[in-house]
């Protein structure tokens, strides 16, 4: 099910998790991260809405590119930034994500993610935070035309993420620092203080010098 969060600055962000789980922790991470791009327009996608037959050259020959894959490609093409958080299954992509990735790669003349900038993420219940799938994507995505502008790993999701928020301060500071770099470097959103100390660390929220403008 798609979730659209309206914004008013003309910037369009599309986010999704590389998982088909209805309780996907990676989708929760994407939604959390998307909240820091206000007032951009954010569309959160669910891979279940784009479920298609497992890719094969025979199915492509007989039926062409599925309409749902073309719809996903269109949503990606309308984005200025992609937020993608990958689930790790047995050290690599989930089957749901890999199937969609394979189908997108078969659209004639297309790079998989339409040459869009990608904020690449992963989280897991364990301590590695999806390190293997992140490494696979960091190697593969650029060769398929995607620009990875930043990457982020959240280990120990059940320990470090509560009530829709990252609870470990150092991890939260790391995430905010990367978000701020994307805003500044890609979209020219400037900050009075980008030191990752004031306005980011909740213990220093009265210093008032990290207000976005």
C-alpha atoms as a PDB file:
ATOM      1  CA  UNK A   1       0.000   0.000   0.000  1.00  0.00           C
ATOM      2  CA  UNK A   2       1.394   3.358  -1.015  1.00  0.00           C
ATOM      3  CA  UNK A   3       1.682   6.116   1.549  1.00  0.00           C
ATOM      4  CA  UNK A   4       1.969   9.695   0.305  1.00  0.00           C
ATOM      5  CA  UNK A   5       3.167  12.456   2.618  1.00  0.00           C
ATOM      6  CA  UNK A   6       2.552  15.864   1.070  1.00  0.00           C
ATOM      7  CA  UNK A   7       5.221  18.556   0.950  1.00  0.00           C
ATOM      8  CA  UNK A   8       5.482  22.013  -0.529  1.00  0.00           C
ATOM      9  CA  UNK A   9       9.039  22.652  -1.707  1.00  0.00           C
ATOM     10  CA  UNK A  10       8.834  20.810  -5.032  1.00  0.00           C
ATOM     11  CA  UNK A  11      11.266  18.056  -4.033  1.00  0.00           C
ATOM     12  CA  UNK A  12       9.938  14.532  -4.597  1.00  0.00           C
ATOM     13  CA  UNK A  13      11.253  11.588  -2.586  1.00  0.00           C
ATOM     14  CA  UNK A  14      10.329   7.946  -3.149  1.00  0.00           C
ATOM     15  CA  UNK A  15      11.180   5.413  -0.471  1.00  0.00           C
ATOM     16  CA  UNK A  16      10.792   1.659  -0.128  1.00  0.00           C
ATOM     17  CA  UNK A  17      12.207  -1.315   1.709  1.00  0.00           C
ATOM     18  CA  UNK A  18      13.701  -4.307  -0.056  1.00  0.00           C
ATOM     19  CA  UNK A  19      11.286  -6.590   1.780  1.00  0.00           C
ATOM     20  CA  UNK A  20       7.793  -8.032   1.366  1.00  0.00           C
ATOM     21  CA  UNK A  21       7.221  -8.388   5.118  1.00  0.00           C
ATOM     22  CA  UNK A  22       4.105  -6.612   6.400  1.00  0.00           C
ATOM     23  CA  UNK A  23       6.101  -5.774   9.541  1.00  0.00           C
ATOM     24  CA  UNK A  24       9.294  -4.860   7.722  1.00  0.00           C
ATOM     25  CA  UNK A  25      11.799  -3.168  10.010  1.00  0.00           C
ATOM     26  CA  UNK A  26      13.492  -1.743   6.923  1.00  0.00           C
ATOM     27  CA  UNK A  27      10.237  -0.047   5.929  1.00  0.00           C
ATOM     28  CA  UNK A  28      10.047   1.441   9.431  1.00  0.00           C
ATOM     29  CA  UNK A  29      13.559   2.801   8.964  1.00  0.00           C
ATOM     30  CA  UNK A  30      12.667   4.313   5.569  1.00  0.00           C
ATOM     31  CA  UNK A  31       9.607   6.019   7.040  1.00  0.00           C
ATOM     32  CA  UNK A  32      11.679   7.398   9.921  1.00  0.00           C
ATOM     33  CA  UNK A  33      14.345   8.754   7.590  1.00  0.00           C
ATOM     34  CA  UNK A  34      11.790  10.266   5.220  1.00  0.00           C
ATOM     35  CA  UNK A  35      10.418  12.413   8.056  1.00  0.00           C
ATOM     36  CA  UNK A  36      13.648  14.425   8.105  1.00  0.00           C
ATOM     37  CA  UNK A  37      13.136  15.606   4.520  1.00  0.00           C
ATOM     38  CA  UNK A  38      10.102  17.729   5.345  1.00  0.00           C
ATOM     39  CA  UNK A  39       8.793  19.766   3.481  1.00  0.00           C
ATOM     40  CA  UNK A  40       9.564  17.498   0.521  1.00  0.00           C
ATOM     41  CA  UNK A  41       6.785  15.368  -0.952  1.00  0.00           C
ATOM     42  CA  UNK A  42       7.369  11.757   0.093  1.00  0.00           C
ATOM     43  CA  UNK A  43       5.872   8.618  -1.434  1.00  0.00           C
ATOM     44  CA  UNK A  44       6.490   5.385   0.459  1.00  0.00           C
ATOM     45  CA  UNK A  45       6.043   2.273  -1.665  1.00  0.00           C
ATOM     46  CA  UNK A  46       5.356  -1.318  -0.637  1.00  0.00           C
ATOM     47  CA  UNK A  47       6.962  -4.061  -2.726  1.00  0.00           C
ATOM     48  CA  UNK A  48       3.836  -6.167  -2.251  1.00  0.00           C
ATOM     49  CA  UNK A  49       2.038  -3.762  -4.568  1.00  0.00           C
ATOM     50  CA  UNK A  50       4.478  -4.701  -7.331  1.00  0.00           C
ATOM     51  CA  UNK A  51       4.577  -8.453  -6.884  1.00  0.00           C
ATOM     52  CA  UNK A  52       4.938 -10.265 -10.226  1.00  0.00           C
ATOM     53  CA  UNK A  53       5.964 -13.705 -11.485  1.00  0.00           C
ATOM     54  CA  UNK A  54       9.556 -14.732 -10.927  1.00  0.00           C
ATOM     55  CA  UNK A  55      11.627 -13.366 -13.776  1.00  0.00           C
ATOM     56  CA  UNK A  56      12.600 -15.641 -16.630  1.00  0.00           C
ATOM     57  CA  UNK A  57      13.488 -14.949 -20.235  1.00  0.00           C
ATOM     58  CA  UNK A  58      10.579 -17.182 -21.261  1.00  0.00           C
ATOM     59  CA  UNK A  59       8.044 -15.113 -19.307  1.00  0.00           C
ATOM     60  CA  UNK A  60       9.533 -11.916 -20.673  1.00  0.00           C
ATOM     61  CA  UNK A  61       9.316 -13.240 -24.220  1.00  0.00           C
ATOM     62  CA  UNK A  62       5.731 -14.446 -23.802  1.00  0.00           C
ATOM     63  CA  UNK A  63       4.282 -11.532 -21.838  1.00  0.00           C
ATOM     64  CA  UNK A  64       6.721  -8.630 -21.943  1.00  0.00           C
ATOM     65  CA  UNK A  65       7.442  -6.377 -18.980  1.00  0.00           C
ATOM     66  CA  UNK A  66       4.635  -6.646 -16.375  1.00  0.00           C
ATOM     67  CA  UNK A  67       2.512  -3.532 -15.967  1.00  0.00           C
ATOM     68  CA  UNK A  68       3.319  -3.370 -12.253  1.00  0.00           C
ATOM     69  CA  UNK A  69       7.015  -3.146 -13.044  1.00  0.00           C
ATOM     70  CA  UNK A  70       6.361  -0.312 -15.488  1.00  0.00           C
ATOM     71  CA  UNK A  71       4.344   1.459 -12.781  1.00  0.00           C
ATOM     72  CA  UNK A  72       7.223   1.128 -10.350  1.00  0.00           C
ATOM     73  CA  UNK A  73       9.662   2.437 -12.949  1.00  0.00           C
ATOM     74  CA  UNK A  74       7.414   5.456 -13.482  1.00  0.00           C
ATOM     75  CA  UNK A  75       7.290   6.174  -9.743  1.00  0.00           C
ATOM     76  CA  UNK A  76      11.075   5.985  -9.558  1.00  0.00           C
ATOM     77  CA  UNK A  77      11.481   8.260 -12.576  1.00  0.00           C
ATOM     78  CA  UNK A  78       9.348  10.943 -10.918  1.00  0.00           C
ATOM     79  CA  UNK A  79      11.624  11.046  -7.849  1.00  0.00           C
ATOM     80  CA  UNK A  80      14.467  13.417  -7.083  1.00  0.00           C
ATOM     81  CA  UNK A  81      15.861  11.061  -4.432  1.00  0.00           C
ATOM     82  CA  UNK A  82      15.335   7.404  -3.550  1.00  0.00           C
ATOM     83  CA  UNK A  83      15.409   6.099   0.016  1.00  0.00           C
ATOM     84  CA  UNK A  84      16.101   2.363  -0.187  1.00  0.00           C
ATOM     85  CA  UNK A  85      16.585   0.138   2.860  1.00  0.00           C
ATOM     86  CA  UNK A  86      17.475  -3.465   2.108  1.00  0.00           C
ATOM     87  CA  UNK A  87      16.512  -6.553   4.048  1.00  0.00           C
ATOM     88  CA  UNK A  88      19.240  -9.173   4.241  1.00  0.00           C
ATOM     89  CA  UNK A  89      18.203 -12.776   3.581  1.00  0.00           C
ATOM     90  CA  UNK A  90      20.986 -15.343   3.848  1.00  0.00           C
ATOM     91  CA  UNK A  91      23.624 -12.722   3.198  1.00  0.00           C
ATOM     92  CA  UNK A  92      22.039 -11.069   0.169  1.00  0.00           C
ATOM     93  CA  UNK A  93      18.888  -9.428  -1.241  1.00  0.00           C
ATOM     94  CA  UNK A  94      15.453 -10.739  -0.375  1.00  0.00           C
ATOM     95  CA  UNK A  95      13.803 -12.752  -3.144  1.00  0.00           C
ATOM     96  CA  UNK A  96      11.076 -10.099  -3.501  1.00  0.00           C
ATOM     97  CA  UNK A  97      13.592  -7.301  -4.066  1.00  0.00           C
ATOM     98  CA  UNK A  98      15.850  -9.321  -6.373  1.00  0.00           C
ATOM     99  CA  UNK A  99      12.907 -10.279  -8.579  1.00  0.00           C
ATOM    100  CA  UNK A 100      11.788  -6.678  -8.970  1.00  0.00           C
ATOM    101  CA  UNK A 101      15.367  -5.582  -9.582  1.00  0.00           C
ATOM    102  CA  UNK A 102      15.735  -8.206 -12.323  1.00  0.00           C
ATOM    103  CA  UNK A 103      12.514  -7.109 -14.029  1.00  0.00           C
ATOM    104  CA  UNK A 104      13.449  -3.415 -13.877  1.00  0.00           C
ATOM    105  CA  UNK A 105      16.781  -4.234 -15.501  1.00  0.00           C
ATOM    106  CA  UNK A 106      14.952  -5.703 -18.503  1.00  0.00           C
ATOM    107  CA  UNK A 107      13.131  -2.505 -19.483  1.00  0.00           C
ATOM    108  CA  UNK A 108      14.804  -1.509 -22.778  1.00  0.00           C
ATOM    109  CA  UNK A 109      17.277   1.344 -22.496  1.00  0.00           C
ATOM    110  CA  UNK A 110      16.806   1.651 -18.748  1.00  0.00           C
ATOM    111  CA  UNK A 111      19.142   1.796 -15.799  1.00  0.00           C
ATOM    112  CA  UNK A 112      17.457  -0.047 -12.915  1.00  0.00           C
ATOM    113  CA  UNK A 113      16.792   2.975 -10.713  1.00  0.00           C
ATOM    114  CA  UNK A 114      16.656   5.488 -13.540  1.00  0.00           C
ATOM    115  CA  UNK A 115      20.046   7.012 -12.654  1.00  0.00           C
ATOM    116  CA  UNK A 116      18.509   8.590  -9.561  1.00  0.00           C
ATOM    117  CA  UNK A 117      20.510   9.435  -6.427  1.00  0.00           C
ATOM    118  CA  UNK A 118      20.011   6.783  -3.746  1.00  0.00           C
ATOM    119  CA  UNK A 119      20.332   6.974   0.011  1.00  0.00           C
ATOM    120  CA  UNK A 120      21.116   3.315   0.622  1.00  0.00           C
ATOM    121  CA  UNK A 121      20.309   1.790   4.009  1.00  0.00           C
ATOM    122  CA  UNK A 122      19.861  -1.489   5.818  1.00  0.00           C
ATOM    123  CA  UNK A 123      18.866  -2.653   9.261  1.00  0.00           C
ATOM    124  CA  UNK A 124      18.621  -6.017  10.960  1.00  0.00           C
ATOM    125  CA  UNK A 125      17.921  -7.445  14.413  1.00  0.00           C
ATOM    126  CA  UNK A 126      21.544  -8.594  14.626  1.00  0.00           C
ATOM    127  CA  UNK A 127      24.722  -6.668  15.201  1.00  0.00           C
ATOM    128  CA  UNK A 128      25.914  -6.422  11.585  1.00  0.00           C
ATOM    129  CA  UNK A 129      23.051  -4.233  10.408  1.00  0.00           C
ATOM    130  CA  UNK A 130      22.723  -5.866   7.010  1.00  0.00           C
ATOM    131  CA  UNK A 131      26.419  -5.400   6.224  1.00  0.00           C
ATOM    132  CA  UNK A 132      26.534  -8.125   3.565  1.00  0.00           C
ATOM    133  CA  UNK A 133      23.555  -6.891   1.571  1.00  0.00           C
ATOM    134  CA  UNK A 134      24.807  -3.300   1.833  1.00  0.00           C
ATOM    135  CA  UNK A 135      28.166  -4.378   0.429  1.00  0.00           C
ATOM    136  CA  UNK A 136      26.464  -6.217  -2.433  1.00  0.00           C
ATOM    137  CA  UNK A 137      24.347  -3.168  -3.289  1.00  0.00           C
ATOM    138  CA  UNK A 138      27.266  -0.752  -3.014  1.00  0.00           C
ATOM    139  CA  UNK A 139      29.116  -2.866  -5.553  1.00  0.00           C
ATOM    140  CA  UNK A 140      26.161  -3.470  -7.892  1.00  0.00           C
ATOM    141  CA  UNK A 141      24.008  -0.340  -7.886  1.00  0.00           C
ATOM    142  CA  UNK A 142      26.616   2.051  -9.382  1.00  0.00           C
ATOM    143  CA  UNK A 143      27.274  -0.419 -12.182  1.00  0.00           C
ATOM    144  CA  UNK A 144      23.550  -0.274 -12.943  1.00  0.00           C
ATOM    145  CA  UNK A 145      23.558   3.523 -13.138  1.00  0.00           C
ATOM    146  CA  UNK A 146      22.592   4.472  -9.586  1.00  0.00           C
ATOM    147  CA  UNK A 147      24.403   7.177  -7.645  1.00  0.00           C
ATOM    148  CA  UNK A 148      24.744   6.168  -3.999  1.00  0.00           C
ATOM    149  CA  UNK A 149      24.944   9.535  -2.264  1.00  0.00           C
ATOM    150  CA  UNK A 150      25.202   8.068   1.257  1.00  0.00           C
ATOM    151  CA  UNK A 151      24.837   4.709   2.981  1.00  0.00           C
ATOM    152  CA  UNK A 152      23.694   3.912   6.499  1.00  0.00           C
ATOM    153  CA  UNK A 153      23.462   0.774   8.621  1.00  0.00           C
ATOM    154  CA  UNK A 154      21.344   0.398  11.759  1.00  0.00           C
ATOM    155  CA  UNK A 155      22.416  -2.684  13.755  1.00  0.00           C
ATOM    156  CA  UNK A 156      20.352  -4.171  16.554  1.00  0.00           C
ATOM    157  CA  UNK A 157      17.038  -2.754  15.354  1.00  0.00           C
ATOM    158  CA  UNK A 158      14.992  -4.034  18.296  1.00  0.00           C
ATOM    159  CA  UNK A 159      17.484  -2.509  20.716  1.00  0.00           C
ATOM    160  CA  UNK A 160      18.222   0.765  18.941  1.00  0.00           C
ATOM    161  CA  UNK A 161      14.833   1.696  17.448  1.00  0.00           C
ATOM    162  CA  UNK A 162      11.795   2.337  19.659  1.00  0.00           C
ATOM    163  CA  UNK A 163       8.466   4.076  19.011  1.00  0.00           C
ATOM    164  CA  UNK A 164       9.526   5.199  15.550  1.00  0.00           C
ATOM    165  CA  UNK A 165      12.838   6.704  16.675  1.00  0.00           C
ATOM    166  CA  UNK A 166      16.506   5.725  16.864  1.00  0.00           C
ATOM    167  CA  UNK A 167      17.352   5.573  20.548  1.00  0.00           C
ATOM    168  CA  UNK A 168      21.141   5.213  20.420  1.00  0.00           C
ATOM    169  CA  UNK A 169      22.459   8.831  20.333  1.00  0.00           C
ATOM    170  CA  UNK A 170      25.653   8.158  18.370  1.00  0.00           C
ATOM    171  CA  UNK A 171      23.769   6.259  15.664  1.00  0.00           C
ATOM    172  CA  UNK A 172      21.184   9.036  15.512  1.00  0.00           C
ATOM    173  CA  UNK A 173      23.901  11.657  15.106  1.00  0.00           C
ATOM    174  CA  UNK A 174      25.496   9.630  12.304  1.00  0.00           C
ATOM    175  CA  UNK A 175      22.173   9.391  10.487  1.00  0.00           C
ATOM    176  CA  UNK A 176      21.379  13.087  10.831  1.00  0.00           C
ATOM    177  CA  UNK A 177      24.853  14.017   9.632  1.00  0.00           C
ATOM    178  CA  UNK A 178      24.365  11.948   6.465  1.00  0.00           C
ATOM    179  CA  UNK A 179      20.886  13.370   5.863  1.00  0.00           C
ATOM    180  CA  UNK A 180      22.239  16.902   6.228  1.00  0.00           C
ATOM    181  CA  UNK A 181      25.024  16.166   3.742  1.00  0.00           C
ATOM    182  CA  UNK A 182      22.471  14.932   1.207  1.00  0.00           C
ATOM    183  CA  UNK A 183      20.338  18.031   1.709  1.00  0.00           C
ATOM    184  CA  UNK A 184      23.299  20.359   1.320  1.00  0.00           C
ATOM    185  CA  UNK A 185      25.244  18.593  -1.423  1.00  0.00           C
ATOM    186  CA  UNK A 186      22.363  17.444  -3.616  1.00  0.00           C
ATOM    187  CA  UNK A 187      19.587  19.953  -2.998  1.00  0.00           C
ATOM    188  CA  UNK A 188      21.270  23.063  -1.607  1.00  0.00           C
ATOM    189  CA  UNK A 189      19.409  23.040   1.697  1.00  0.00           C
ATOM    190  CA  UNK A 190      21.759  24.953   3.950  1.00  0.00           C
ATOM    191  CA  UNK A 191      22.214  24.894   7.724  1.00  0.00           C
ATOM    192  CA  UNK A 192      23.654  27.362  10.173  1.00  0.00           C
ATOM    193  CA  UNK A 193      25.541  24.561  11.915  1.00  0.00           C
ATOM    194  CA  UNK A 194      26.440  21.228  10.345  1.00  0.00           C
ATOM    195  CA  UNK A 195      28.735  20.117  13.142  1.00  0.00           C
ATOM    196  CA  UNK A 196      26.439  17.274  14.231  1.00  0.00           C
ATOM    197  CA  UNK A 197      26.491  18.621  17.789  1.00  0.00           C
ATOM    198  CA  UNK A 198      23.799  21.267  18.165  1.00  0.00           C
ATOM    199  CA  UNK A 199      20.183  20.669  17.207  1.00  0.00           C
ATOM    200  CA  UNK A 200      20.960  17.026  16.502  1.00  0.00           C
ATOM    201  CA  UNK A 201      22.070  15.752  19.878  1.00  0.00           C
ATOM    202  CA  UNK A 202      18.854  15.788  21.974  1.00  0.00           C
ATOM    203  CA  UNK A 203      20.860  16.766  25.048  1.00  0.00           C
ATOM    204  CA  UNK A 204      21.842  20.040  23.372  1.00  0.00           C
ATOM    205  CA  UNK A 205      18.536  21.079  21.891  1.00  0.00           C
ATOM    206  CA  UNK A 206      18.475  24.562  23.427  1.00  0.00           C
ATOM    207  CA  UNK A 207      21.507  26.012  21.687  1.00  0.00           C
ATOM    208  CA  UNK A 208      19.430  27.087  18.682  1.00  0.00           C
ATOM    209  CA  UNK A 209      22.115  27.191  16.018  1.00  0.00           C
ATOM    210  CA  UNK A 210      21.185  24.194  13.876  1.00  0.00           C
ATOM    211  CA  UNK A 211      17.925  25.486  12.470  1.00  0.00           C
ATOM    212  CA  UNK A 212      17.398  24.693   8.822  1.00  0.00           C
ATOM    213  CA  UNK A 213      16.782  27.693   6.577  1.00  0.00           C
END
